[in-house]
Amino acid sequence: MSTLPVYRWHLAPDGYATRRQLRARNLRPGGQQVAAQLERPRRQRPPLVAYLYRVDLAKPVRPMTAARWAALAKANAARRICPACRRDAGYVIPTALGTCVPCAYPDPYRAEGTA
């Protein structure tokens, strides 16, 4: 097992990029292994680490098909439906709550069945 080359923040050589930088160029790692890593030192905490991939081995991003767009729209719509009241909340339901805000924090002063 070989160790990865480690570079300081902003000092990586040309030809390497993070996943986010690859995506900005419409590329993806394409199954390649991490080629190097960046470390950003911090005081009294472990350093921040970013993994780098080789740009020359990166592949183009796969295009979105109509079926993929439909599946993405369906998944995003499902994240908006409250499992308790089955209504569209109008926003993505927070995973910390698990339900929409009115279901998670019911108003004790509002009588049931009144508008």
PDB file of N, CA and C in Angstrom:
ATOM      1  N   MET A   1       0.842  -1.177   0.000  1.00  0.00           N
ATOM      2  CA  MET A   1       0.000   0.000   0.000  1.00  0.00           C
ATOM      3  C   MET A   1       0.884   1.236   0.000  1.00  0.00           C
ATOM      4  N   SER A   2       0.709   2.087  -0.976  1.00  0.00           N
ATOM      5  CA  SER A   2       1.523   3.299  -1.048  1.00  0.00           C
ATOM      6  C   SER A   2       0.791   4.448  -0.372  1.00  0.00           C
ATOM      7  N   THR A   3       1.563   5.381   0.132  1.00  0.00           N
ATOM      8  CA  THR A   3       0.963   6.538   0.786  1.00  0.00           C
ATOM      9  C   THR A   3       0.688   7.627  -0.242  1.00  0.00           C
ATOM     10  N   LEU A   4      -0.291   8.428   0.038  1.00  0.00           N
ATOM     11  CA  LEU A   4      -0.664   9.514  -0.860  1.00  0.00           C
ATOM     12  C   LEU A   4       0.258  10.705  -0.671  1.00  0.00           C
ATOM     13  N   PRO A   5       0.572  11.425  -1.748  1.00  0.00           N
ATOM     14  CA  PRO A   5       1.291  12.682  -1.570  1.00  0.00           C
ATOM     15  C   PRO A   5       0.380  13.701  -0.890  1.00  0.00           C
ATOM     16  N   VAL A   6       0.948  14.451   0.030  1.00  0.00           N
ATOM     17  CA  VAL A   6       0.189  15.442   0.785  1.00  0.00           C
ATOM     18  C   VAL A   6       0.723  16.825   0.438  1.00  0.00           C
ATOM     19  N   TYR A   7      -0.206  17.729   0.080  1.00  0.00           N
ATOM     20  CA  TYR A   7       0.158  19.100  -0.260  1.00  0.00           C
ATOM     21  C   TYR A   7      -0.533  20.049   0.699  1.00  0.00           C
ATOM     22  N   ARG A   8       0.081  21.200   0.912  1.00  0.00           N
ATOM     23  CA  ARG A   8      -0.547  22.230   1.723  1.00  0.00           C
ATOM     24  C   ARG A   8      -1.630  22.908   0.907  1.00  0.00           C
ATOM     25  N   TRP A   9      -2.567  23.529   1.617  1.00  0.00           N
ATOM     26  CA  TRP A   9      -3.696  24.228   0.995  1.00  0.00           C
ATOM     27  C   TRP A   9      -3.205  25.227  -0.035  1.00  0.00           C
ATOM     28  N   HIS A  10      -3.789  25.245  -1.214  1.00  0.00           N
ATOM     29  CA  HIS A  10      -3.463  26.146  -2.332  1.00  0.00           C
ATOM     30  C   HIS A  10      -2.108  25.855  -2.979  1.00  0.00           C
ATOM     31  N   LEU A  11      -1.446  24.767  -2.611  1.00  0.00           N
ATOM     32  CA  LEU A  11      -0.122  24.485  -3.164  1.00  0.00           C
ATOM     33  C   LEU A  11      -0.068  23.166  -3.944  1.00  0.00           C
ATOM     34  N   ALA A  12      -1.206  22.681  -4.393  1.00  0.00           N
ATOM     35  CA  ALA A  12      -1.219  21.458  -5.184  1.00  0.00           C
ATOM     36  C   ALA A  12      -0.740  21.767  -6.604  1.00  0.00           C
ATOM     37  N   PRO A  13      -0.014  20.851  -7.218  1.00  0.00           N
ATOM     38  CA  PRO A  13       0.450  21.098  -8.589  1.00  0.00           C
ATOM     39  C   PRO A  13      -0.709  21.043  -9.585  1.00  0.00           C
ATOM     40  N   ASP A  14      -0.480  21.590 -10.759  1.00  0.00           N
ATOM     41  CA  ASP A  14      -1.486  21.531 -11.815  1.00  0.00           C
ATOM     42  C   ASP A  14      -1.729  20.071 -12.195  1.00  0.00           C
ATOM     43  N   GLY A  15      -2.928  19.790 -12.665  1.00  0.00           N
ATOM     44  CA  GLY A  15      -3.265  18.439 -13.068  1.00  0.00           C
ATOM     45  C   GLY A  15      -4.039  17.673 -12.022  1.00  0.00           C
ATOM     46  N   TYR A  16      -4.235  18.256 -10.837  1.00  0.00           N
ATOM     47  CA  TYR A  16      -5.031  17.655  -9.787  1.00  0.00           C
ATOM     48  C   TYR A  16      -6.227  18.550  -9.501  1.00  0.00           C
ATOM     49  N   ALA A  17      -7.346  17.931  -9.104  1.00  0.00           N
ATOM     50  CA  ALA A  17      -8.541  18.703  -8.775  1.00  0.00           C
ATOM     51  C   ALA A  17      -9.397  17.924  -7.787  1.00  0.00           C
ATOM     52  N   THR A  18     -10.178  18.651  -6.996  1.00  0.00           N
ATOM     53  CA  THR A  18     -11.125  18.023  -6.090  1.00  0.00           C
ATOM     54  C   THR A  18     -12.371  17.621  -6.881  1.00  0.00           C
ATOM     55  N   ARG A  19     -13.256  16.874  -6.262  1.00  0.00           N
ATOM     56  CA  ARG A  19     -14.504  16.488  -6.924  1.00  0.00           C
ATOM     57  C   ARG A  19     -15.293  17.719  -7.362  1.00  0.00           C
ATOM     58  N   ARG A  20     -15.342  18.715  -6.508  1.00  0.00           N
ATOM     59  CA  ARG A  20     -16.102  19.921  -6.823  1.00  0.00           C
ATOM     60  C   ARG A  20     -15.469  20.671  -7.997  1.00  0.00           C
ATOM     61  N   GLN A  21     -14.145  20.718  -8.037  1.00  0.00           N
ATOM     62  CA  GLN A  21     -13.462  21.373  -9.152  1.00  0.00           C
ATOM     63  C   GLN A  21     -13.655  20.591 -10.449  1.00  0.00           C
ATOM     64  N   LEU A  22     -13.657  19.254 -10.357  1.00  0.00           N
ATOM     65  CA  LEU A  22     -13.920  18.439 -11.546  1.00  0.00           C
ATOM     66  C   LEU A  22     -15.331  18.707 -12.054  1.00  0.00           C
ATOM     67  N   ARG A  23     -16.282  18.772 -11.146  1.00  0.00           N
ATOM     68  CA  ARG A  23     -17.671  18.996 -11.543  1.00  0.00           C
ATOM     69  C   ARG A  23     -17.838  20.361 -12.214  1.00  0.00           C
ATOM     70  N   ALA A  24     -17.108  21.364 -11.757  1.00  0.00           N
ATOM     71  CA  ALA A  24     -17.168  22.690 -12.380  1.00  0.00           C
ATOM     72  C   ALA A  24     -16.667  22.641 -13.821  1.00  0.00           C
ATOM     73  N   ARG A  25     -15.824  21.665 -14.130  1.00  0.00           N
ATOM     74  CA  ARG A  25     -15.318  21.477 -15.504  1.00  0.00           C
ATOM     75  C   ARG A  25     -16.127  20.435 -16.270  1.00  0.00           C
ATOM     76  N   ASN A  26     -17.277  20.020 -15.715  1.00  0.00           N
ATOM     77  CA  ASN A  26     -18.125  18.978 -16.299  1.00  0.00           C
ATOM     78  C   ASN A  26     -17.387  17.648 -16.421  1.00  0.00           C
ATOM     79  N   LEU A  27     -16.621  17.312 -15.385  1.00  0.00           N
ATOM     80  CA  LEU A  27     -15.894  16.047 -15.323  1.00  0.00           C
ATOM     81  C   LEU A  27     -16.272  15.316 -14.039  1.00  0.00           C
ATOM     82  N   ARG A  28     -15.919  14.035 -13.981  1.00  0.00           N
ATOM     83  CA  ARG A  28     -16.112  13.214 -12.790  1.00  0.00           C
ATOM     84  C   ARG A  28     -14.875  12.343 -12.621  1.00  0.00           C
ATOM     85  N   PRO A  29     -14.611  11.838 -11.403  1.00  0.00           N
ATOM     86  CA  PRO A  29     -13.420  11.007 -11.216  1.00  0.00           C
ATOM     87  C   PRO A  29     -13.416   9.763 -12.094  1.00  0.00           C
ATOM     88  N   GLY A  30     -14.554   9.184 -12.381  1.00  0.00           N
ATOM     89  CA  GLY A  30     -14.624   8.054 -13.303  1.00  0.00           C
ATOM     90  C   GLY A  30     -14.001   6.782 -12.781  1.00  0.00           C
ATOM     91  N   GLY A  31     -14.091   6.530 -11.486  1.00  0.00           N
ATOM     92  CA  GLY A  31     -13.595   5.280 -10.933  1.00  0.00           C
ATOM     93  C   GLY A  31     -12.134   5.285 -10.530  1.00  0.00           C
ATOM     94  N   GLN A  32     -11.427   6.360 -10.776  1.00  0.00           N
ATOM     95  CA  GLN A  32     -10.012   6.399 -10.394  1.00  0.00           C
ATOM     96  C   GLN A  32      -9.865   6.558  -8.886  1.00  0.00           C
ATOM     97  N   GLN A  33      -8.757   6.098  -8.371  1.00  0.00           N
ATOM     98  CA  GLN A  33      -8.466   6.224  -6.946  1.00  0.00           C
ATOM     99  C   GLN A  33      -8.019   7.644  -6.627  1.00  0.00           C
ATOM    100  N   VAL A  34      -8.072   8.018  -5.361  1.00  0.00           N
ATOM    101  CA  VAL A  34      -7.578   9.317  -4.922  1.00  0.00           C
ATOM    102  C   VAL A  34      -6.082   9.378  -5.219  1.00  0.00           C
ATOM    103  N   ALA A  35      -5.645  10.462  -5.862  1.00  0.00           N
ATOM    104  CA  ALA A  35      -4.248  10.563  -6.277  1.00  0.00           C
ATOM    105  C   ALA A  35      -3.388  11.304  -5.260  1.00  0.00           C
ATOM    106  N   ALA A  36      -3.983  12.248  -4.529  1.00  0.00           N
ATOM    107  CA  ALA A  36      -3.243  13.037  -3.543  1.00  0.00           C
ATOM    108  C   ALA A  36      -4.248  13.656  -2.591  1.00  0.00           C
ATOM    109  N   GLN A  37      -3.735  14.347  -1.592  1.00  0.00           N
ATOM    110  CA  GLN A  37      -4.629  15.050  -0.688  1.00  0.00           C
ATOM    111  C   GLN A  37      -4.048  16.393  -0.285  1.00  0.00           C
ATOM    112  N   LEU A  38      -4.960  17.312  -0.003  1.00  0.00           N
ATOM    113  CA  LEU A  38      -4.600  18.634   0.496  1.00  0.00           C
ATOM    114  C   LEU A  38      -4.866  18.658   1.988  1.00  0.00           C
ATOM    115  N   GLU A  39      -4.035  19.377   2.720  1.00  0.00           N
ATOM    116  CA  GLU A  39      -4.292  19.564   4.141  1.00  0.00           C
ATOM    117  C   GLU A  39      -4.229  21.042   4.463  1.00  0.00           C
ATOM    118  N   ARG A  40      -5.254  21.504   5.148  1.00  0.00           N
ATOM    119  CA  ARG A  40      -5.299  22.889   5.592  1.00  0.00           C
ATOM    120  C   ARG A  40      -5.140  22.883   7.108  1.00  0.00           C
ATOM    121  N   PRO A  41      -4.007  23.376   7.613  1.00  0.00           N
ATOM    122  CA  PRO A  41      -3.796  23.328   9.064  1.00  0.00           C
ATOM    123  C   PRO A  41      -4.770  24.245   9.804  1.00  0.00           C
ATOM    124  N   ARG A  42      -5.135  23.813  11.021  1.00  0.00           N
ATOM    125  CA  ARG A  42      -5.994  24.613  11.885  1.00  0.00           C
ATOM    126  C   ARG A  42      -5.410  24.592  13.288  1.00  0.00           C
ATOM    127  N   ARG A  43      -5.691  25.605  14.049  1.00  0.00           N
ATOM    128  CA  ARG A  43      -5.172  25.674  15.415  1.00  0.00           C
ATOM    129  C   ARG A  43      -5.948  24.756  16.333  1.00  0.00           C
ATOM    130  N   GLN A  44      -5.229  23.976  17.089  1.00  0.00           N
ATOM    131  CA  GLN A  44      -5.765  23.102  18.132  1.00  0.00           C
ATOM    132  C   GLN A  44      -6.827  22.134  17.624  1.00  0.00           C
ATOM    133  N   ARG A  45      -6.859  21.881  16.334  1.00  0.00           N
ATOM    134  CA  ARG A  45      -7.784  20.912  15.752  1.00  0.00           C
ATOM    135  C   ARG A  45      -7.056  20.169  14.649  1.00  0.00           C
ATOM    136  N   PRO A  46      -7.541  19.005  14.277  1.00  0.00           N
ATOM    137  CA  PRO A  46      -6.896  18.299  13.160  1.00  0.00           C
ATOM    138  C   PRO A  46      -7.078  19.078  11.856  1.00  0.00           C
ATOM    139  N   PRO A  47      -6.186  18.899  10.901  1.00  0.00           N
ATOM    140  CA  PRO A  47      -6.278  19.672   9.654  1.00  0.00           C
ATOM    141  C   PRO A  47      -7.481  19.260   8.813  1.00  0.00           C
ATOM    142  N   LEU A  48      -7.965  20.208   8.012  1.00  0.00           N
ATOM    143  CA  LEU A  48      -8.996  19.891   7.027  1.00  0.00           C
ATOM    144  C   LEU A  48      -8.333  19.150   5.878  1.00  0.00           C
ATOM    145  N   VAL A  49      -8.993  18.136   5.361  1.00  0.00           N
ATOM    146  CA  VAL A  49      -8.418  17.314   4.303  1.00  0.00           C
ATOM    147  C   VAL A  49      -9.335  17.355   3.082  1.00  0.00           C
ATOM    148  N   ALA A  50      -8.748  17.529   1.913  1.00  0.00           N
ATOM    149  CA  ALA A  50      -9.480  17.454   0.647  1.00  0.00           C
ATOM    150  C   ALA A  50      -8.743  16.462  -0.248  1.00  0.00           C
ATOM    151  N   TYR A  51      -9.491  15.587  -0.888  1.00  0.00           N
ATOM    152  CA  TYR A  51      -8.884  14.581  -1.749  1.00  0.00           C
ATOM    153  C   TYR A  51      -8.807  15.092  -3.179  1.00  0.00           C
ATOM    154  N   LEU A  52      -7.710  14.773  -3.839  1.00  0.00           N
ATOM    155  CA  LEU A  52      -7.464  15.241  -5.203  1.00  0.00           C
ATOM    156  C   LEU A  52      -7.465  14.065  -6.174  1.00  0.00           C
ATOM    157  N   TYR A  53      -7.969  14.337  -7.376  1.00  0.00           N
ATOM    158  CA  TYR A  53      -8.007  13.349  -8.457  1.00  0.00           C
ATOM    159  C   TYR A  53      -7.250  13.914  -9.645  1.00  0.00           C
ATOM    160  N   ARG A  54      -6.743  13.027 -10.481  1.00  0.00           N
ATOM    161  CA  ARG A  54      -6.014  13.466 -11.673  1.00  0.00           C
ATOM    162  C   ARG A  54      -7.005  13.912 -12.738  1.00  0.00           C
ATOM    163  N   VAL A  55      -6.769  15.093 -13.286  1.00  0.00           N
ATOM    164  CA  VAL A  55      -7.668  15.656 -14.289  1.00  0.00           C
ATOM    165  C   VAL A  55      -7.563  14.877 -15.602  1.00  0.00           C
ATOM    166  N   ASP A  56      -6.365  14.413 -15.951  1.00  0.00           N
ATOM    167  CA  ASP A  56      -6.196  13.704 -17.228  1.00  0.00           C
ATOM    168  C   ASP A  56      -6.908  12.355 -17.256  1.00  0.00           C
ATOM    169  N   LEU A  57      -7.196  11.769 -16.087  1.00  0.00           N
ATOM    170  CA  LEU A  57      -7.905  10.492 -16.021  1.00  0.00           C
ATOM    171  C   LEU A  57      -9.408  10.669 -15.798  1.00  0.00           C
ATOM    172  N   ALA A  58      -9.850  11.899 -15.595  1.00  0.00           N
ATOM    173  CA  ALA A  58     -11.268  12.156 -15.338  1.00  0.00           C
ATOM    174  C   ALA A  58     -12.082  11.950 -16.611  1.00  0.00           C
ATOM    175  N   LYS A  59     -13.337  11.577 -16.418  1.00  0.00           N
ATOM    176  CA  LYS A  59     -14.237  11.326 -17.539  1.00  0.00           C
ATOM    177  C   LYS A  59     -15.327  12.397 -17.560  1.00  0.00           C
ATOM    178  N   PRO A  60     -15.970  12.586 -18.708  1.00  0.00           N
ATOM    179  CA  PRO A  60     -17.051  13.568 -18.753  1.00  0.00           C
ATOM    180  C   PRO A  60     -18.252  13.123 -17.923  1.00  0.00           C
ATOM    181  N   VAL A  61     -18.990  14.096 -17.417  1.00  0.00           N
ATOM    182  CA  VAL A  61     -20.198  13.814 -16.650  1.00  0.00           C
ATOM    183  C   VAL A  61     -21.233  13.187 -17.570  1.00  0.00           C
ATOM    184  N   ARG A  62     -21.920  12.169 -17.062  1.00  0.00           N
ATOM    185  CA  ARG A  62     -22.965  11.531 -17.857  1.00  0.00           C
ATOM    186  C   ARG A  62     -24.136  12.497 -18.022  1.00  0.00           C
ATOM    187  N   PRO A  63     -24.701  12.594 -19.218  1.00  0.00           N
ATOM    188  CA  PRO A  63     -25.809  13.534 -19.416  1.00  0.00           C
ATOM    189  C   PRO A  63     -27.084  13.059 -18.722  1.00  0.00           C
ATOM    190  N   MET A  64     -27.910  14.034 -18.339  1.00  0.00           N
ATOM    191  CA  MET A  64     -29.188  13.699 -17.724  1.00  0.00           C
ATOM    192  C   MET A  64     -30.185  13.314 -18.815  1.00  0.00           C
ATOM    193  N   THR A  65     -30.797  12.166 -18.658  1.00  0.00           N
ATOM    194  CA  THR A  65     -31.820  11.714 -19.599  1.00  0.00           C
ATOM    195  C   THR A  65     -33.190  12.135 -19.073  1.00  0.00           C
ATOM    196  N   ALA A  66     -34.201  11.984 -19.895  1.00  0.00           N
ATOM    197  CA  ALA A  66     -35.561  12.320 -19.478  1.00  0.00           C
ATOM    198  C   ALA A  66     -35.993  11.467 -18.288  1.00  0.00           C
ATOM    199  N   ALA A  67     -35.610  10.196 -18.290  1.00  0.00           N
ATOM    200  CA  ALA A  67     -35.969   9.302 -17.184  1.00  0.00           C
ATOM    201  C   ALA A  67     -35.279   9.730 -15.893  1.00  0.00           C
ATOM    202  N   ARG A  68     -34.026  10.165 -15.981  1.00  0.00           N
ATOM    203  CA  ARG A  68     -33.316  10.637 -14.793  1.00  0.00           C
ATOM    204  C   ARG A  68     -33.941  11.909 -14.246  1.00  0.00           C
ATOM    205  N   TRP A  69     -34.328  12.836 -15.136  1.00  0.00           N
ATOM    206  CA  TRP A  69     -34.989  14.069 -14.697  1.00  0.00           C
ATOM    207  C   TRP A  69     -36.293  13.731 -13.986  1.00  0.00           C
ATOM    208  N   ALA A  70     -37.058  12.789 -14.532  1.00  0.00           N
ATOM    209  CA  ALA A  70     -38.329  12.402 -13.923  1.00  0.00           C
ATOM    210  C   ALA A  70     -38.111  11.760 -12.551  1.00  0.00           C
ATOM    211  N   ALA A  71     -37.115  10.895 -12.433  1.00  0.00           N
ATOM    212  CA  ALA A  71     -36.821  10.246 -11.156  1.00  0.00           C
ATOM    213  C   ALA A  71     -36.370  11.268 -10.117  1.00  0.00           C
ATOM    214  N   LEU A  72     -35.571  12.237 -10.524  1.00  0.00           N
ATOM    215  CA  LEU A  72     -35.115  13.278  -9.609  1.00  0.00           C
ATOM    216  C   LEU A  72     -36.280  14.135  -9.134  1.00  0.00           C
ATOM    217  N   ALA A  73     -37.181  14.500 -10.037  1.00  0.00           N
ATOM    218  CA  ALA A  73     -38.352  15.294  -9.666  1.00  0.00           C
ATOM    219  C   ALA A  73     -39.245  14.519  -8.693  1.00  0.00           C
ATOM    220  N   LYS A  74     -39.413  13.225  -8.927  1.00  0.00           N
ATOM    221  CA  LYS A  74     -40.237  12.398  -8.043  1.00  0.00           C
ATOM    222  C   LYS A  74     -39.604  12.282  -6.654  1.00  0.00           C
ATOM    223  N   ALA A  75     -38.290  12.111  -6.596  1.00  0.00           N
ATOM    224  CA  ALA A  75     -37.599  12.002  -5.309  1.00  0.00           C
ATOM    225  C   ALA A  75     -37.678  13.314  -4.534  1.00  0.00           C
ATOM    226  N   ASN A  76     -37.510  14.441  -5.219  1.00  0.00           N
ATOM    227  CA  ASN A  76     -37.593  15.738  -4.545  1.00  0.00           C
ATOM    228  C   ASN A  76     -39.012  16.010  -4.056  1.00  0.00           C
ATOM    229  N   ALA A  77     -40.012  15.603  -4.819  1.00  0.00           N
ATOM    230  CA  ALA A  77     -41.402  15.776  -4.382  1.00  0.00           C
ATOM    231  C   ALA A  77     -41.685  14.927  -3.147  1.00  0.00           C
ATOM    232  N   ALA A  78     -41.129  13.733  -3.079  1.00  0.00           N
ATOM    233  CA  ALA A  78     -41.345  12.854  -1.929  1.00  0.00           C
ATOM    234  C   ALA A  78     -40.734  13.439  -0.661  1.00  0.00           C
ATOM    235  N   ARG A  79     -39.689  14.216  -0.788  1.00  0.00           N
ATOM    236  CA  ARG A  79     -39.051  14.831   0.381  1.00  0.00           C
ATOM    237  C   ARG A  79     -39.894  15.966   0.960  1.00  0.00           C
ATOM    238  N   ARG A  80     -40.883  16.435   0.207  1.00  0.00           N
ATOM    239  CA  ARG A  80     -41.736  17.538   0.650  1.00  0.00           C
ATOM    240  C   ARG A  80     -43.024  17.060   1.311  1.00  0.00           C
ATOM    241  N   ILE A  81     -43.375  15.779   1.178  1.00  0.00           N
ATOM    242  CA  ILE A  81     -44.611  15.236   1.718  1.00  0.00           C
ATOM    243  C   ILE A  81     -44.396  14.833   3.178  1.00  0.00           C
ATOM    244  N   CYS A  82     -45.235  15.355   4.070  1.00  0.00           N
ATOM    245  CA  CYS A  82     -45.142  15.032   5.495  1.00  0.00           C
ATOM    246  C   CYS A  82     -45.690  13.621   5.723  1.00  0.00           C
ATOM    247  N   PRO A  83     -44.943  12.742   6.403  1.00  0.00           N
ATOM    248  CA  PRO A  83     -45.453  11.387   6.638  1.00  0.00           C
ATOM    249  C   PRO A  83     -46.600  11.348   7.643  1.00  0.00           C
ATOM    250  N   ALA A  84     -46.740  12.370   8.476  1.00  0.00           N
ATOM    251  CA  ALA A  84     -47.806  12.368   9.485  1.00  0.00           C
ATOM    252  C   ALA A  84     -49.133  12.835   8.902  1.00  0.00           C
ATOM    253  N   CYS A  85     -49.144  13.983   8.232  1.00  0.00           N
ATOM    254  CA  CYS A  85     -50.401  14.537   7.728  1.00  0.00           C
ATOM    255  C   CYS A  85     -50.584  14.323   6.228  1.00  0.00           C
ATOM    256  N   ARG A  86     -49.575  13.800   5.525  1.00  0.00           N
ATOM    257  CA  ARG A  86     -49.612  13.480   4.086  1.00  0.00           C
ATOM    258  C   ARG A  86     -49.868  14.701   3.208  1.00  0.00           C
ATOM    259  N   ARG A  87     -49.507  15.893   3.674  1.00  0.00           N
ATOM    260  CA  ARG A  87     -49.665  17.102   2.871  1.00  0.00           C
ATOM    261  C   ARG A  87     -48.314  17.560   2.360  1.00  0.00           C
ATOM    262  N   ASP A  88     -48.332  18.307   1.245  1.00  0.00           N
ATOM    263  CA  ASP A  88     -47.117  18.912   0.716  1.00  0.00           C
ATOM    264  C   ASP A  88     -46.786  20.103   1.600  1.00  0.00           C
ATOM    265  N   ALA A  89     -45.625  20.056   2.242  1.00  0.00           N
ATOM    266  CA  ALA A  89     -45.245  21.101   3.185  1.00  0.00           C
ATOM    267  C   ALA A  89     -44.820  22.382   2.478  1.00  0.00           C
ATOM    268  N   GLY A  90     -44.452  22.298   1.212  1.00  0.00           N
ATOM    269  CA  GLY A  90     -43.980  23.483   0.502  1.00  0.00           C
ATOM    270  C   GLY A  90     -42.485  23.694   0.663  1.00  0.00           C
ATOM    271  N   TYR A  91     -41.830  22.795   1.394  1.00  0.00           N
ATOM    272  CA  TYR A  91     -40.381  22.838   1.608  1.00  0.00           C
ATOM    273  C   TYR A  91     -39.919  21.411   1.891  1.00  0.00           C
ATOM    274  N   VAL A  92     -38.636  21.185   1.845  1.00  0.00           N
ATOM    275  CA  VAL A  92     -38.096  19.859   2.153  1.00  0.00           C
ATOM    276  C   VAL A  92     -38.206  19.632   3.654  1.00  0.00           C
ATOM    277  N   ILE A  93     -38.803  18.509   4.035  1.00  0.00           N
ATOM    278  CA  ILE A  93     -39.006  18.180   5.444  1.00  0.00           C
ATOM    279  C   ILE A  93     -37.638  17.971   6.108  1.00  0.00           C
ATOM    280  N   PRO A  94     -37.347  18.670   7.216  1.00  0.00           N
ATOM    281  CA  PRO A  94     -36.073  18.465   7.898  1.00  0.00           C
ATOM    282  C   PRO A  94     -35.968  17.045   8.453  1.00  0.00           C
ATOM    283  N   THR A  95     -34.852  16.409   8.232  1.00  0.00           N
ATOM    284  CA  THR A  95     -34.671  15.040   8.729  1.00  0.00           C
ATOM    285  C   THR A  95     -34.619  15.009  10.248  1.00  0.00           C
ATOM    286  N   ALA A  96     -34.196  16.098  10.871  1.00  0.00           N
ATOM    287  CA  ALA A  96     -34.146  16.137  12.326  1.00  0.00           C
ATOM    288  C   ALA A  96     -35.548  16.077  12.922  1.00  0.00           C
ATOM    289  N   LEU A  97     -36.535  16.651  12.228  1.00  0.00           N
ATOM    290  CA  LEU A  97     -37.912  16.612  12.719  1.00  0.00           C
ATOM    291  C   LEU A  97     -38.636  15.362  12.255  1.00  0.00           C
ATOM    292  N   GLY A  98     -38.459  15.001  10.994  1.00  0.00           N
ATOM    293  CA  GLY A  98     -39.135  13.847  10.437  1.00  0.00           C
ATOM    294  C   GLY A  98     -40.542  14.136   9.957  1.00  0.00           C
ATOM    295  N   THR A  99     -41.090  15.276  10.343  1.00  0.00           N
ATOM    296  CA  THR A  99     -42.417  15.703   9.912  1.00  0.00           C
ATOM    297  C   THR A  99     -42.356  17.185   9.602  1.00  0.00           C
ATOM    298  N   CYS A 100     -43.474  17.720   9.079  1.00  0.00           N
ATOM    299  CA  CYS A 100     -43.517  19.163   8.828  1.00  0.00           C
ATOM    300  C   CYS A 100     -43.532  19.894  10.173  1.00  0.00           C
ATOM    301  N   VAL A 101     -43.255  21.170  10.149  1.00  0.00           N
ATOM    302  CA  VAL A 101     -43.155  21.943  11.388  1.00  0.00           C
ATOM    303  C   VAL A 101     -44.481  21.964  12.150  1.00  0.00           C
ATOM    304  N   PRO A 102     -45.653  22.170  11.500  1.00  0.00           N
ATOM    305  CA  PRO A 102     -46.901  22.139  12.272  1.00  0.00           C
ATOM    306  C   PRO A 102     -47.164  20.800  12.955  1.00  0.00           C
ATOM    307  N   CYS A 103     -46.761  19.697  12.338  1.00  0.00           N
ATOM    308  CA  CYS A 103     -46.944  18.384  12.975  1.00  0.00           C
ATOM    309  C   CYS A 103     -45.930  18.174  14.097  1.00  0.00           C
ATOM    310  N   ALA A 104     -44.724  18.679  13.925  1.00  0.00           N
ATOM    311  CA  ALA A 104     -43.683  18.498  14.941  1.00  0.00           C
ATOM    312  C   ALA A 104     -43.950  19.368  16.158  1.00  0.00           C
ATOM    313  N   TYR A 105     -44.465  20.572  15.930  1.00  0.00           N
ATOM    314  CA  TYR A 105     -44.755  21.510  17.015  1.00  0.00           C
ATOM    315  C   TYR A 105     -46.207  21.970  16.902  1.00  0.00           C
ATOM    316  N   PRO A 106     -47.155  21.145  17.328  1.00  0.00           N
ATOM    317  CA  PRO A 106     -48.553  21.556  17.217  1.00  0.00           C
ATOM    318  C   PRO A 106     -48.844  22.735  18.138  1.00  0.00           C
ATOM    319  N   ASP A 107     -49.748  23.597  17.691  1.00  0.00           N
ATOM    320  CA  ASP A 107     -50.123  24.779  18.454  1.00  0.00           C
ATOM    321  C   ASP A 107     -51.092  24.363  19.557  1.00  0.00           C
ATOM    322  N   PRO A 108     -50.699  24.476  20.835  1.00  0.00           N
ATOM    323  CA  PRO A 108     -51.582  24.032  21.916  1.00  0.00           C
ATOM    324  C   PRO A 108     -52.803  24.938  22.095  1.00  0.00           C
ATOM    325  N   TYR A 109     -52.740  26.142  21.588  1.00  0.00           N
ATOM    326  CA  TYR A 109     -53.832  27.100  21.767  1.00  0.00           C
ATOM    327  C   TYR A 109     -54.860  27.027  20.654  1.00  0.00           C
ATOM    328  N   ARG A 110     -54.573  26.297  19.603  1.00  0.00           N
ATOM    329  CA  ARG A 110     -55.500  26.176  18.483  1.00  0.00           C
ATOM    330  C   ARG A 110     -56.386  24.957  18.701  1.00  0.00           C
ATOM    331  N   ALA A 111     -57.679  25.141  18.657  1.00  0.00           N
ATOM    332  CA  ALA A 111     -58.608  24.029  18.876  1.00  0.00           C
ATOM    333  C   ALA A 111     -58.634  23.151  17.643  1.00  0.00           C
ATOM    334  N   GLU A 112     -58.821  21.867  17.839  1.00  0.00           N
ATOM    335  CA  GLU A 112     -58.908  20.919  16.732  1.00  0.00           C
ATOM    336  C   GLU A 112     -60.151  21.196  15.904  1.00  0.00           C
ATOM    337  N   GLY A 113     -60.000  21.163  14.591  1.00  0.00           N
ATOM    338  CA  GLY A 113     -61.126  21.314  13.691  1.00  0.00           C
ATOM    339  C   GLY A 113     -61.476  22.746  13.358  1.00  0.00           C
ATOM    340  N   THR A 114     -60.797  23.727  13.941  1.00  0.00           N
ATOM    341  CA  THR A 114     -61.064  25.128  13.602  1.00  0.00           C
ATOM    342  C   THR A 114     -60.048  25.611  12.605  1.00  0.00           C
ATOM    343  N   ALA A 115     -60.457  26.608  11.843  1.00  0.00           N
ATOM    344  CA  ALA A 115     -59.567  27.133  10.812  1.00  0.00           C
ATOM    345  C   ALA A 115     -58.821  28.345  11.268  1.00  0.00           C
TER     346      ALA A 115
END
